[in-house]
C-alpha atoms as a PDB file:
ATOM      1  CA  UNK A   1     119.473 111.044 110.645  1.00  0.00           C
ATOM      2  CA  UNK A   2     119.613 111.224 106.905  1.00  0.00           C
ATOM      3  CA  UNK A   3     116.616 112.290 104.870  1.00  0.00           C
ATOM      4  CA  UNK A   4     116.408 108.744 103.633  1.00  0.00           C
ATOM      5  CA  UNK A   5     116.897 106.319 106.531  1.00  0.00           C
ATOM      6  CA  UNK A   6     118.445 102.810 106.335  1.00  0.00           C
ATOM      7  CA  UNK A   7     114.936 101.175 105.725  1.00  0.00           C
ATOM      8  CA  UNK A   8     114.883 103.092 102.344  1.00  0.00           C
ATOM      9  CA  UNK A   9     118.063 101.507 100.913  1.00  0.00           C
ATOM     10  CA  UNK A  10     117.969 100.818  97.111  1.00  0.00           C
ATOM     11  CA  UNK A  11     116.111  97.761  96.144  1.00  0.00           C
ATOM     12  CA  UNK A  12     117.676  96.122  92.987  1.00  0.00           C
ATOM     13  CA  UNK A  13     114.566  93.955  92.319  1.00  0.00           C
ATOM     14  CA  UNK A  14     112.641  97.127  91.321  1.00  0.00           C
ATOM     15  CA  UNK A  15     115.342  98.923  89.289  1.00  0.00           C
ATOM     16  CA  UNK A  16     116.361  98.766  85.609  1.00  0.00           C
ATOM     17  CA  UNK A  17     117.991  99.916  82.540  1.00  0.00           C
ATOM     18  CA  UNK A  18     117.375 102.631  79.964  1.00  0.00           C
ATOM     19  CA  UNK A  19     114.628 101.441  77.493  1.00  0.00           C
ATOM     20  CA  UNK A  20     114.709 101.356  73.725  1.00  0.00           C
ATOM     21  CA  UNK A  21     111.451 102.223  71.651  1.00  0.00           C
ATOM     22  CA  UNK A  22     110.371  99.050  69.528  1.00  0.00           C
ATOM     23  CA  UNK A  23     107.195  97.571  68.563  1.00  0.00           C
ATOM     24  CA  UNK A  24     106.916  94.040  66.960  1.00  0.00           C
ATOM     25  CA  UNK A  25     104.371  91.731  65.458  1.00  0.00           C
ATOM     26  CA  UNK A  26     104.468  89.942  68.822  1.00  0.00           C
ATOM     27  CA  UNK A  27     103.244  93.067  70.486  1.00  0.00           C
ATOM     28  CA  UNK A  28     100.583  93.567  68.000  1.00  0.00           C
ATOM     29  CA  UNK A  29      99.235  89.904  68.610  1.00  0.00           C
ATOM     30  CA  UNK A  30      99.280  90.751  72.460  1.00  0.00           C
ATOM     31  CA  UNK A  31      97.234  93.848  71.660  1.00  0.00           C
ATOM     32  CA  UNK A  32      94.747  91.895  69.625  1.00  0.00           C
ATOM     33  CA  UNK A  33      94.357  89.317  72.603  1.00  0.00           C
ATOM     34  CA  UNK A  34      93.872  92.090  74.979  1.00  0.00           C
ATOM     35  CA  UNK A  35      91.325  93.860  72.645  1.00  0.00           C
ATOM     36  CA  UNK A  36      89.353  90.538  72.417  1.00  0.00           C
ATOM     37  CA  UNK A  37      89.150  90.537  76.333  1.00  0.00           C
ATOM     38  CA  UNK A  38      87.872  94.124  76.554  1.00  0.00           C
ATOM     39  CA  UNK A  39      85.312  93.623  73.651  1.00  0.00           C
ATOM     40  CA  UNK A  40      82.806  92.376  76.334  1.00  0.00           C
ATOM     41  CA  UNK A  41      83.154  95.398  78.359  1.00  0.00           C
ATOM     42  CA  UNK A  42      79.859  97.561  78.468  1.00  0.00           C
ATOM     43  CA  UNK A  43      81.754 100.707  79.306  1.00  0.00           C
ATOM     44  CA  UNK A  44      85.281 102.169  78.648  1.00  0.00           C
ATOM     45  CA  UNK A  45      88.524 100.386  79.019  1.00  0.00           C
ATOM     46  CA  UNK A  46      92.108 101.772  78.665  1.00  0.00           C
ATOM     47  CA  UNK A  47      95.169  99.658  78.560  1.00  0.00           C
ATOM     48  CA  UNK A  48      98.768 100.566  78.233  1.00  0.00           C
ATOM     49  CA  UNK A  49     101.781  98.249  78.720  1.00  0.00           C
ATOM     50  CA  UNK A  50     105.526  98.906  77.958  1.00  0.00           C
ATOM     51  CA  UNK A  51     108.581  96.800  78.359  1.00  0.00           C
ATOM     52  CA  UNK A  52     110.739  99.372  79.985  1.00  0.00           C
ATOM     53  CA  UNK A  53     113.975  97.548  79.014  1.00  0.00           C
ATOM     54  CA  UNK A  54     113.163  96.499  75.351  1.00  0.00           C
ATOM     55  CA  UNK A  55     110.570  99.074  74.464  1.00  0.00           C
ATOM     56  CA  UNK A  56     107.877  97.008  73.072  1.00  0.00           C
ATOM     57  CA  UNK A  57     104.341  98.253  73.917  1.00  0.00           C
ATOM     58  CA  UNK A  58     100.640  97.601  73.751  1.00  0.00           C
ATOM     59  CA  UNK A  59      98.006 100.470  73.708  1.00  0.00           C
ATOM     60  CA  UNK A  60      94.272 100.479  73.589  1.00  0.00           C
ATOM     61  CA  UNK A  61      92.593 103.708  74.079  1.00  0.00           C
ATOM     62  CA  UNK A  62      96.070 104.793  75.010  1.00  0.00           C
ATOM     63  CA  UNK A  63      95.173 108.595  74.697  1.00  0.00           C
ATOM     64  CA  UNK A  64      91.609 108.565  76.195  1.00  0.00           C
ATOM     65  CA  UNK A  65      91.372 110.168  79.732  1.00  0.00           C
ATOM     66  CA  UNK A  66      90.190 107.908  82.452  1.00  0.00           C
ATOM     67  CA  UNK A  67      89.405 108.650  86.125  1.00  0.00           C
ATOM     68  CA  UNK A  68      92.590 108.125  88.196  1.00  0.00           C
ATOM     69  CA  UNK A  69      90.814 107.495  91.387  1.00  0.00           C
ATOM     70  CA  UNK A  70      93.586 106.566  93.981  1.00  0.00           C
ATOM     71  CA  UNK A  71      96.276 105.609  91.161  1.00  0.00           C
ATOM     72  CA  UNK A  72      96.825 109.512  91.549  1.00  0.00           C
ATOM     73  CA  UNK A  73      98.587 108.617  94.698  1.00  0.00           C
ATOM     74  CA  UNK A  74     101.551 107.687  92.791  1.00  0.00           C
ATOM     75  CA  UNK A  75     102.162 111.119  91.598  1.00  0.00           C
ATOM     76  CA  UNK A  76     101.349 112.629  95.055  1.00  0.00           C
ATOM     77  CA  UNK A  77     103.963 110.405  96.666  1.00  0.00           C
ATOM     78  CA  UNK A  78     106.552 111.117  93.973  1.00  0.00           C
ATOM     79  CA  UNK A  79     105.971 114.824  94.428  1.00  0.00           C
ATOM     80  CA  UNK A  80     106.679 114.442  98.175  1.00  0.00           C
ATOM     81  CA  UNK A  81     109.650 112.389  97.663  1.00  0.00           C
ATOM     82  CA  UNK A  82     111.222 114.796  95.285  1.00  0.00           C
ATOM     83  CA  UNK A  83     110.872 117.438  98.043  1.00  0.00           C
ATOM     84  CA  UNK A  84     112.637 115.072 100.416  1.00  0.00           C
ATOM     85  CA  UNK A  85     115.634 114.834  97.942  1.00  0.00           C
ATOM     86  CA  UNK A  86     115.685 118.714  97.614  1.00  0.00           C
ATOM     87  CA  UNK A  87     115.929 118.831 101.469  1.00  0.00           C
ATOM     88  CA  UNK A  88     112.658 120.442 102.082  1.00  0.00           C
ATOM     89  CA  UNK A  89     111.290 117.479 103.984  1.00  0.00           C
ATOM     90  CA  UNK A  90     112.450 114.402 105.922  1.00  0.00           C
ATOM     91  CA  UNK A  91     111.052 110.879 105.904  1.00  0.00           C
ATOM     92  CA  UNK A  92     111.161 111.007 109.767  1.00  0.00           C
ATOM     93  CA  UNK A  93     109.324 114.310 109.969  1.00  0.00           C
ATOM     94  CA  UNK A  94     105.957 114.536 111.799  1.00  0.00           C
ATOM     95  CA  UNK A  95     102.945 115.550 109.646  1.00  0.00           C
ATOM     96  CA  UNK A  96      99.290 115.555 110.035  1.00  0.00           C
ATOM     97  CA  UNK A  97      96.627 113.542 108.139  1.00  0.00           C
ATOM     98  CA  UNK A  98      93.952 115.690 106.788  1.00  0.00           C
ATOM     99  CA  UNK A  99      90.528 114.761 107.947  1.00  0.00           C
ATOM    100  CA  UNK A 100      87.109 115.686 106.141  1.00  0.00           C
ATOM    101  CA  UNK A 101      85.034 118.217 107.762  1.00  0.00           C
ATOM    102  CA  UNK A 102      81.299 118.221 107.278  1.00  0.00           C
ATOM    103  CA  UNK A 103      80.051 121.004 105.080  1.00  0.00           C
ATOM    104  CA  UNK A 104      77.393 123.240 106.462  1.00  0.00           C
ATOM    105  CA  UNK A 105      73.740 122.530 105.254  1.00  0.00           C
ATOM    106  CA  UNK A 106      72.999 124.145 101.841  1.00  0.00           C
ATOM    107  CA  UNK A 107      76.745 125.011 101.363  1.00  0.00           C
ATOM    108  CA  UNK A 108      78.948 123.279  98.570  1.00  0.00           C
ATOM    109  CA  UNK A 109      82.611 124.306  98.551  1.00  0.00           C
ATOM    110  CA  UNK A 110      84.494 123.698  95.390  1.00  0.00           C
ATOM    111  CA  UNK A 111      87.237 121.900  97.512  1.00  0.00           C
ATOM    112  CA  UNK A 112      86.049 119.619 100.369  1.00  0.00           C
ATOM    113  CA  UNK A 113      86.851 121.139 103.782  1.00  0.00           C
ATOM    114  CA  UNK A 114      89.559 119.289 105.794  1.00  0.00           C
ATOM    115  CA  UNK A 115      91.170 119.809 109.066  1.00  0.00           C
ATOM    116  CA  UNK A 116      94.527 118.410 110.580  1.00  0.00           C
ATOM    117  CA  UNK A 117      94.246 114.949 112.108  1.00  0.00           C
ATOM    118  CA  UNK A 118      96.392 112.457 113.748  1.00  0.00           C
ATOM    119  CA  UNK A 119     100.151 113.094 113.198  1.00  0.00           C
ATOM    120  CA  UNK A 120     102.590 110.373 111.699  1.00  0.00           C
ATOM    121  CA  UNK A 121     105.943 110.438 110.139  1.00  0.00           C
ATOM    122  CA  UNK A 122     106.092 111.325 106.494  1.00  0.00           C
ATOM    123  CA  UNK A 123     107.291 107.722 105.791  1.00  0.00           C
ATOM    124  CA  UNK A 124     104.130 106.523 107.464  1.00  0.00           C
ATOM    125  CA  UNK A 125     101.871 108.663 105.452  1.00  0.00           C
ATOM    126  CA  UNK A 126     103.414 107.415 102.137  1.00  0.00           C
ATOM    127  CA  UNK A 127     103.053 103.853 103.392  1.00  0.00           C
ATOM    128  CA  UNK A 128      99.426 104.330 104.365  1.00  0.00           C
ATOM    129  CA  UNK A 129      98.673 106.239 101.183  1.00  0.00           C
ATOM    130  CA  UNK A 130     100.213 103.569  98.759  1.00  0.00           C
ATOM    131  CA  UNK A 131      99.633 100.217 100.576  1.00  0.00           C
ATOM    132  CA  UNK A 132      96.256 100.939 102.208  1.00  0.00           C
ATOM    133  CA  UNK A 133      95.005 103.621  99.795  1.00  0.00           C
ATOM    134  CA  UNK A 134      94.404 105.836 102.754  1.00  0.00           C
ATOM    135  CA  UNK A 135      92.838 109.137 101.517  1.00  0.00           C
ATOM    136  CA  UNK A 136      93.468 111.111 104.827  1.00  0.00           C
ATOM    137  CA  UNK A 137      97.148 110.267 104.628  1.00  0.00           C
ATOM    138  CA  UNK A 138      97.339 111.251 100.943  1.00  0.00           C
ATOM    139  CA  UNK A 139      95.615 114.624 101.707  1.00  0.00           C
ATOM    140  CA  UNK A 140      98.242 115.157 104.374  1.00  0.00           C
ATOM    141  CA  UNK A 141     100.923 114.833 101.686  1.00  0.00           C
ATOM    142  CA  UNK A 142      99.084 117.073  99.319  1.00  0.00           C
ATOM    143  CA  UNK A 143      98.710 119.607 102.018  1.00  0.00           C
ATOM    144  CA  UNK A 144     102.496 119.328 102.905  1.00  0.00           C
ATOM    145  CA  UNK A 145     103.696 119.735  99.208  1.00  0.00           C
ATOM    146  CA  UNK A 146     101.562 122.870  98.876  1.00  0.00           C
ATOM    147  CA  UNK A 147      98.452 121.554  97.179  1.00  0.00           C
ATOM    148  CA  UNK A 148      97.531 119.824  93.972  1.00  0.00           C
ATOM    149  CA  UNK A 149      99.195 122.477  91.859  1.00  0.00           C
ATOM    150  CA  UNK A 150     102.518 121.230  93.109  1.00  0.00           C
ATOM    151  CA  UNK A 151     101.892 117.665  91.990  1.00  0.00           C
ATOM    152  CA  UNK A 152     100.827 118.992  88.576  1.00  0.00           C
ATOM    153  CA  UNK A 153     103.937 120.880  88.389  1.00  0.00           C
ATOM    154  CA  UNK A 154     106.041 117.802  89.248  1.00  0.00           C
ATOM    155  CA  UNK A 155     104.228 115.917  86.396  1.00  0.00           C
ATOM    156  CA  UNK A 156     105.051 118.747  83.981  1.00  0.00           C
ATOM    157  CA  UNK A 157     108.758 118.897  85.018  1.00  0.00           C
ATOM    158  CA  UNK A 158     108.851 115.190  84.640  1.00  0.00           C
ATOM    159  CA  UNK A 159     107.470 115.423  81.118  1.00  0.00           C
ATOM    160  CA  UNK A 160     104.174 113.665  81.785  1.00  0.00           C
ATOM    161  CA  UNK A 161     101.414 114.934  79.407  1.00  0.00           C
ATOM    162  CA  UNK A 162      97.901 113.607  79.765  1.00  0.00           C
ATOM    163  CA  UNK A 163      97.761 113.221  83.424  1.00  0.00           C
ATOM    164  CA  UNK A 164      96.680 115.921  86.116  1.00  0.00           C
ATOM    165  CA  UNK A 165      95.131 116.246  89.467  1.00  0.00           C
ATOM    166  CA  UNK A 166      92.131 118.637  90.079  1.00  0.00           C
ATOM    167  CA  UNK A 167      90.849 117.361  93.346  1.00  0.00           C
ATOM    168  CA  UNK A 168      92.083 116.498  96.815  1.00  0.00           C
ATOM    169  CA  UNK A 169      91.215 112.949  97.830  1.00  0.00           C
ATOM    170  CA  UNK A 170      88.452 114.351 100.263  1.00  0.00           C
ATOM    171  CA  UNK A 171      86.873 116.177  97.356  1.00  0.00           C
ATOM    172  CA  UNK A 172      87.133 113.216  95.121  1.00  0.00           C
ATOM    173  CA  UNK A 173      85.334 111.027  97.489  1.00  0.00           C
ATOM    174  CA  UNK A 174      82.676 113.579  98.297  1.00  0.00           C
ATOM    175  CA  UNK A 175      81.855 114.127  94.646  1.00  0.00           C
ATOM    176  CA  UNK A 176      82.111 110.441  93.640  1.00  0.00           C
ATOM    177  CA  UNK A 177      78.966 109.221  91.532  1.00  0.00           C
ATOM    178  CA  UNK A 178      78.008 112.621  90.241  1.00  0.00           C
ATOM    179  CA  UNK A 179      79.406 111.816  86.767  1.00  0.00           C
ATOM    180  CA  UNK A 180      78.905 108.495  84.887  1.00  0.00           C
ATOM    181  CA  UNK A 181      82.411 107.589  83.955  1.00  0.00           C
ATOM    182  CA  UNK A 182      81.371 105.144  81.478  1.00  0.00           C
ATOM    183  CA  UNK A 183      79.394 107.732  79.358  1.00  0.00           C
ATOM    184  CA  UNK A 184      81.082 111.024  80.263  1.00  0.00           C
ATOM    185  CA  UNK A 185      84.803 111.669  79.717  1.00  0.00           C
ATOM    186  CA  UNK A 186      85.349 114.021  82.583  1.00  0.00           C
ATOM    187  CA  UNK A 187      88.669 115.983  82.640  1.00  0.00           C
ATOM    188  CA  UNK A 188      89.039 116.101  86.444  1.00  0.00           C
ATOM    189  CA  UNK A 189      91.769 114.108  87.932  1.00  0.00           C
ATOM    190  CA  UNK A 190      92.422 112.023  85.025  1.00  0.00           C
ATOM    191  CA  UNK A 191      95.079 110.257  83.304  1.00  0.00           C
ATOM    192  CA  UNK A 192      95.453 108.721  79.782  1.00  0.00           C
ATOM    193  CA  UNK A 193      96.911 105.037  79.901  1.00  0.00           C
ATOM    194  CA  UNK A 194      99.882 106.410  77.977  1.00  0.00           C
ATOM    195  CA  UNK A 195     100.483 108.977  80.552  1.00  0.00           C
ATOM    196  CA  UNK A 196     100.356 106.775  83.438  1.00  0.00           C
ATOM    197  CA  UNK A 197     102.950 104.343  81.672  1.00  0.00           C
ATOM    198  CA  UNK A 198     105.138 107.452  81.091  1.00  0.00           C
ATOM    199  CA  UNK A 199     105.062 108.169  84.957  1.00  0.00           C
ATOM    200  CA  UNK A 200     105.853 104.657  85.859  1.00  0.00           C
ATOM    201  CA  UNK A 201     108.698 104.695  83.479  1.00  0.00           C
ATOM    202  CA  UNK A 202     110.002 107.958  84.712  1.00  0.00           C
ATOM    203  CA  UNK A 203     109.907 106.662  88.228  1.00  0.00           C
ATOM    204  CA  UNK A 204     111.492 103.228  87.411  1.00  0.00           C
ATOM    205  CA  UNK A 205     114.235 104.532  85.106  1.00  0.00           C
ATOM    206  CA  UNK A 206     115.209 107.415  87.501  1.00  0.00           C
ATOM    207  CA  UNK A 207     113.812 110.231  85.253  1.00  0.00           C
ATOM    208  CA  UNK A 208     111.661 111.515  88.028  1.00  0.00           C
ATOM    209  CA  UNK A 209     113.249 110.591  91.153  1.00  0.00           C
ATOM    210  CA  UNK A 210     116.828 109.924  92.301  1.00  0.00           C
ATOM    211  CA  UNK A 211     117.788 106.257  93.388  1.00  0.00           C
ATOM    212  CA  UNK A 212     116.811 106.416  97.027  1.00  0.00           C
ATOM    213  CA  UNK A 213     113.519 108.091  96.569  1.00  0.00           C
ATOM    214  CA  UNK A 214     112.667 105.738  93.593  1.00  0.00           C
ATOM    215  CA  UNK A 215     113.567 102.686  95.977  1.00  0.00           C
ATOM    216  CA  UNK A 216     111.304 104.138  98.640  1.00  0.00           C
ATOM    217  CA  UNK A 217     108.315 104.369  96.399  1.00  0.00           C
ATOM    218  CA  UNK A 218     108.689 101.237  94.397  1.00  0.00           C
ATOM    219  CA  UNK A 219     109.430  99.129  97.529  1.00  0.00           C
ATOM    220  CA  UNK A 220     106.204 100.675  99.097  1.00  0.00           C
ATOM    221  CA  UNK A 221     104.166  99.798  96.002  1.00  0.00           C
ATOM    222  CA  UNK A 222     105.338  96.157  96.360  1.00  0.00           C
ATOM    223  CA  UNK A 223     103.421  96.074  99.644  1.00  0.00           C
ATOM    224  CA  UNK A 224     100.156  97.271  98.253  1.00  0.00           C
ATOM    225  CA  UNK A 225      97.447  95.260 100.071  1.00  0.00           C
ATOM    226  CA  UNK A 226      94.453  96.441  98.059  1.00  0.00           C
ATOM    227  CA  UNK A 227      93.029  94.924  94.784  1.00  0.00           C
ATOM    228  CA  UNK A 228      94.521  91.402  95.090  1.00  0.00           C
ATOM    229  CA  UNK A 229      91.908  90.184  92.439  1.00  0.00           C
ATOM    230  CA  UNK A 230      93.213  92.791  89.796  1.00  0.00           C
ATOM    231  CA  UNK A 231      96.655  92.621  88.272  1.00  0.00           C
ATOM    232  CA  UNK A 232      97.951  90.395  90.998  1.00  0.00           C
ATOM    233  CA  UNK A 233      95.401  87.759  90.294  1.00  0.00           C
ATOM    234  CA  UNK A 234      96.566  87.700  86.698  1.00  0.00           C
ATOM    235  CA  UNK A 235     100.272  86.836  87.447  1.00  0.00           C
ATOM    236  CA  UNK A 236     101.845  83.673  88.520  1.00  0.00           C
ATOM    237  CA  UNK A 237     102.581  83.225  92.157  1.00  0.00           C
ATOM    238  CA  UNK A 238     105.689  84.917  93.465  1.00  0.00           C
ATOM    239  CA  UNK A 239     106.097  87.498  90.699  1.00  0.00           C
ATOM    240  CA  UNK A 240     107.232  90.725  91.957  1.00  0.00           C
ATOM    241  CA  UNK A 241     104.635  93.608  91.380  1.00  0.00           C
ATOM    242  CA  UNK A 242     104.910  97.195  92.315  1.00  0.00           C
ATOM    243  CA  UNK A 243     101.448  98.579  91.961  1.00  0.00           C
ATOM    244  CA  UNK A 244      98.704 101.040  93.100  1.00  0.00           C
ATOM    245  CA  UNK A 245      94.890 100.588  92.694  1.00  0.00           C
ATOM    246  CA  UNK A 246      92.171 102.882  92.271  1.00  0.00           C
ATOM    247  CA  UNK A 247      88.408 102.663  92.849  1.00  0.00           C
ATOM    248  CA  UNK A 248      85.345 104.905  92.444  1.00  0.00           C
ATOM    249  CA  UNK A 249      81.651 104.395  91.584  1.00  0.00           C
ATOM    250  CA  UNK A 250      81.826 102.555  88.151  1.00  0.00           C
ATOM    251  CA  UNK A 251      85.705 102.729  88.204  1.00  0.00           C
ATOM    252  CA  UNK A 252      88.229 100.125  88.866  1.00  0.00           C
ATOM    253  CA  UNK A 253      91.824 100.758  88.026  1.00  0.00           C
ATOM    254  CA  UNK A 254      95.229  99.170  88.560  1.00  0.00           C
ATOM    255  CA  UNK A 255      98.725 100.331  87.392  1.00  0.00           C
ATOM    256  CA  UNK A 256     102.255  99.049  88.279  1.00  0.00           C
ATOM    257  CA  UNK A 257     105.456  97.500  87.339  1.00  0.00           C
ATOM    258  CA  UNK A 258     105.998  93.625  86.912  1.00  0.00           C
ATOM    259  CA  UNK A 259     109.300  92.058  87.043  1.00  0.00           C
ATOM    260  CA  UNK A 260     109.550  89.343  84.124  1.00  0.00           C
ATOM    261  CA  UNK A 261     111.369  86.191  84.595  1.00  0.00           C
ATOM    262  CA  UNK A 262     114.519  87.548  82.801  1.00  0.00           C
ATOM    263  CA  UNK A 263     114.633  90.702  84.954  1.00  0.00           C
ATOM    264  CA  UNK A 264     112.997  93.066  82.508  1.00  0.00           C
ATOM    265  CA  UNK A 265     110.384  95.450  83.822  1.00  0.00           C
ATOM    266  CA  UNK A 266     106.932  95.543  82.346  1.00  0.00           C
ATOM    267  CA  UNK A 267     104.845  98.727  83.142  1.00  0.00           C
ATOM    268  CA  UNK A 268     101.158  98.307  82.731  1.00  0.00           C
ATOM    269  CA  UNK A 269      98.180 100.590  83.382  1.00  0.00           C
ATOM    270  CA  UNK A 270      94.578  99.175  83.164  1.00  0.00           C
ATOM    271  CA  UNK A 271      91.629 101.550  83.627  1.00  0.00           C
ATOM    272  CA  UNK A 272      87.945 100.307  83.523  1.00  0.00           C
ATOM    273  CA  UNK A 273      84.926 102.493  83.665  1.00  0.00           C
ATOM    274  CA  UNK A 274      81.523 101.058  83.276  1.00  0.00           C
ATOM    275  CA  UNK A 275      78.316  99.735  84.772  1.00  0.00           C
ATOM    276  CA  UNK A 276      79.718  96.440  85.909  1.00  0.00           C
ATOM    277  CA  UNK A 277      80.423  95.881  89.541  1.00  0.00           C
ATOM    278  CA  UNK A 278      83.952  96.089  90.883  1.00  0.00           C
ATOM    279  CA  UNK A 279      84.274  92.371  91.086  1.00  0.00           C
ATOM    280  CA  UNK A 280      83.600  91.883  87.332  1.00  0.00           C
ATOM    281  CA  UNK A 281      85.837  94.906  86.455  1.00  0.00           C
ATOM    282  CA  UNK A 282      88.590  93.379  88.556  1.00  0.00           C
ATOM    283  CA  UNK A 283      88.294  90.063  86.757  1.00  0.00           C
ATOM    284  CA  UNK A 284      88.656  91.830  83.417  1.00  0.00           C
ATOM    285  CA  UNK A 285      91.818  93.468  84.748  1.00  0.00           C
ATOM    286  CA  UNK A 286      93.177  90.279  85.951  1.00  0.00           C
ATOM    287  CA  UNK A 287      92.545  88.650  82.506  1.00  0.00           C
ATOM    288  CA  UNK A 288      94.193  91.623  80.719  1.00  0.00           C
ATOM    289  CA  UNK A 289      97.228  91.496  83.147  1.00  0.00           C
ATOM    290  CA  UNK A 290      97.565  87.769  82.379  1.00  0.00           C
ATOM    291  CA  UNK A 291      97.525  88.377  78.593  1.00  0.00           C
ATOM    292  CA  UNK A 292     100.169  91.136  78.917  1.00  0.00           C
ATOM    293  CA  UNK A 293     102.373  89.123  81.129  1.00  0.00           C
ATOM    294  CA  UNK A 294     102.334  86.086  78.800  1.00  0.00           C
ATOM    295  CA  UNK A 295     102.818  88.314  75.635  1.00  0.00           C
ATOM    296  CA  UNK A 296     105.883  89.828  77.030  1.00  0.00           C
ATOM    297  CA  UNK A 297     107.490  86.783  78.465  1.00  0.00           C
ATOM    298  CA  UNK A 298     110.971  85.913  77.025  1.00  0.00           C
ATOM    299  CA  UNK A 299     110.643  83.839  73.748  1.00  0.00           C
ATOM    300  CA  UNK A 300     112.651  80.986  75.286  1.00  0.00           C
ATOM    301  CA  UNK A 301     110.154  80.611  78.082  1.00  0.00           C
ATOM    302  CA  UNK A 302     107.318  80.698  75.421  1.00  0.00           C
ATOM    303  CA  UNK A 303     109.184  78.031  73.421  1.00  0.00           C
ATOM    304  CA  UNK A 304     109.617  75.868  76.402  1.00  0.00           C
ATOM    305  CA  UNK A 305     105.918  76.067  77.118  1.00  0.00           C
ATOM    306  CA  UNK A 306     105.094  75.185  73.615  1.00  0.00           C
ATOM    307  CA  UNK A 307     107.481  72.150  73.813  1.00  0.00           C
ATOM    308  CA  UNK A 308     105.869  71.044  77.008  1.00  0.00           C
ATOM    309  CA  UNK A 309     102.410  71.218  75.332  1.00  0.00           C
ATOM    310  CA  UNK A 310     103.609  69.189  72.434  1.00  0.00           C
ATOM    311  CA  UNK A 311     105.265  66.557  74.704  1.00  0.00           C
ATOM    312  CA  UNK A 312     101.925  66.072  76.365  1.00  0.00           C
ATOM    313  CA  UNK A 313     100.123  65.236  73.094  1.00  0.00           C
END
């Protein structure tokens, strides 16, 4: 069996062309609209969006670090898939999930203790990690690649600056809530919005993974079942979205790639850290995603919409 089985065949719907770097008055207008949405936030909000085919972009707090939460799983899966490309692993290879182990009373390890758990194929671990945000599956992948250091090396080699992991998922969950993310900018397991867009672009454009590995990851991300009230809620029905959510105390994230009606790919990263509950934060993400989607629509579609409005008057 090949390292990438038939089910990992390339998916044209989530592949694209090399980008150009442009910014237009239209991008600035979209950025202002997004800024008006986040003005009501009581914490910190970071937004980055880029037309991966045309190069237009929107950035708000684009270089501010935000807790990645489970959006870090994009980098983890990418690291493992690169190792599959290198022949070091196979997608049908059995690997254990890593399960948390209770710490002895009065003892606090820097890294949360884990033990090998149920065994699944590597492909299943990736599926569970991305689509269900399964922390045990993710820690299984982290263990397989050699730890978080291997993920950080992958990011450096891919040219991603401003994103890094400092924790396993078990450690991240154990320590959740110890720092107020709305008031404190912690450097641990964080990404700037710009860095997350750079990672999504590197995956989508082929700068980080080969065609088959890229197809496996992006196709899996289209099946994400978490966060349906986030980016997905801000898009019209039927729009293709490959994304990954993240959630911690006071943190609601969603990052991904949207396919626009003309085939262009719009990458977006939205990080929210504040005192509001997750439902309120998710609603803000949905409104931001809607503004970004509408702002990057083809001009002809915007013109047709304006004409329709004029006819109704």
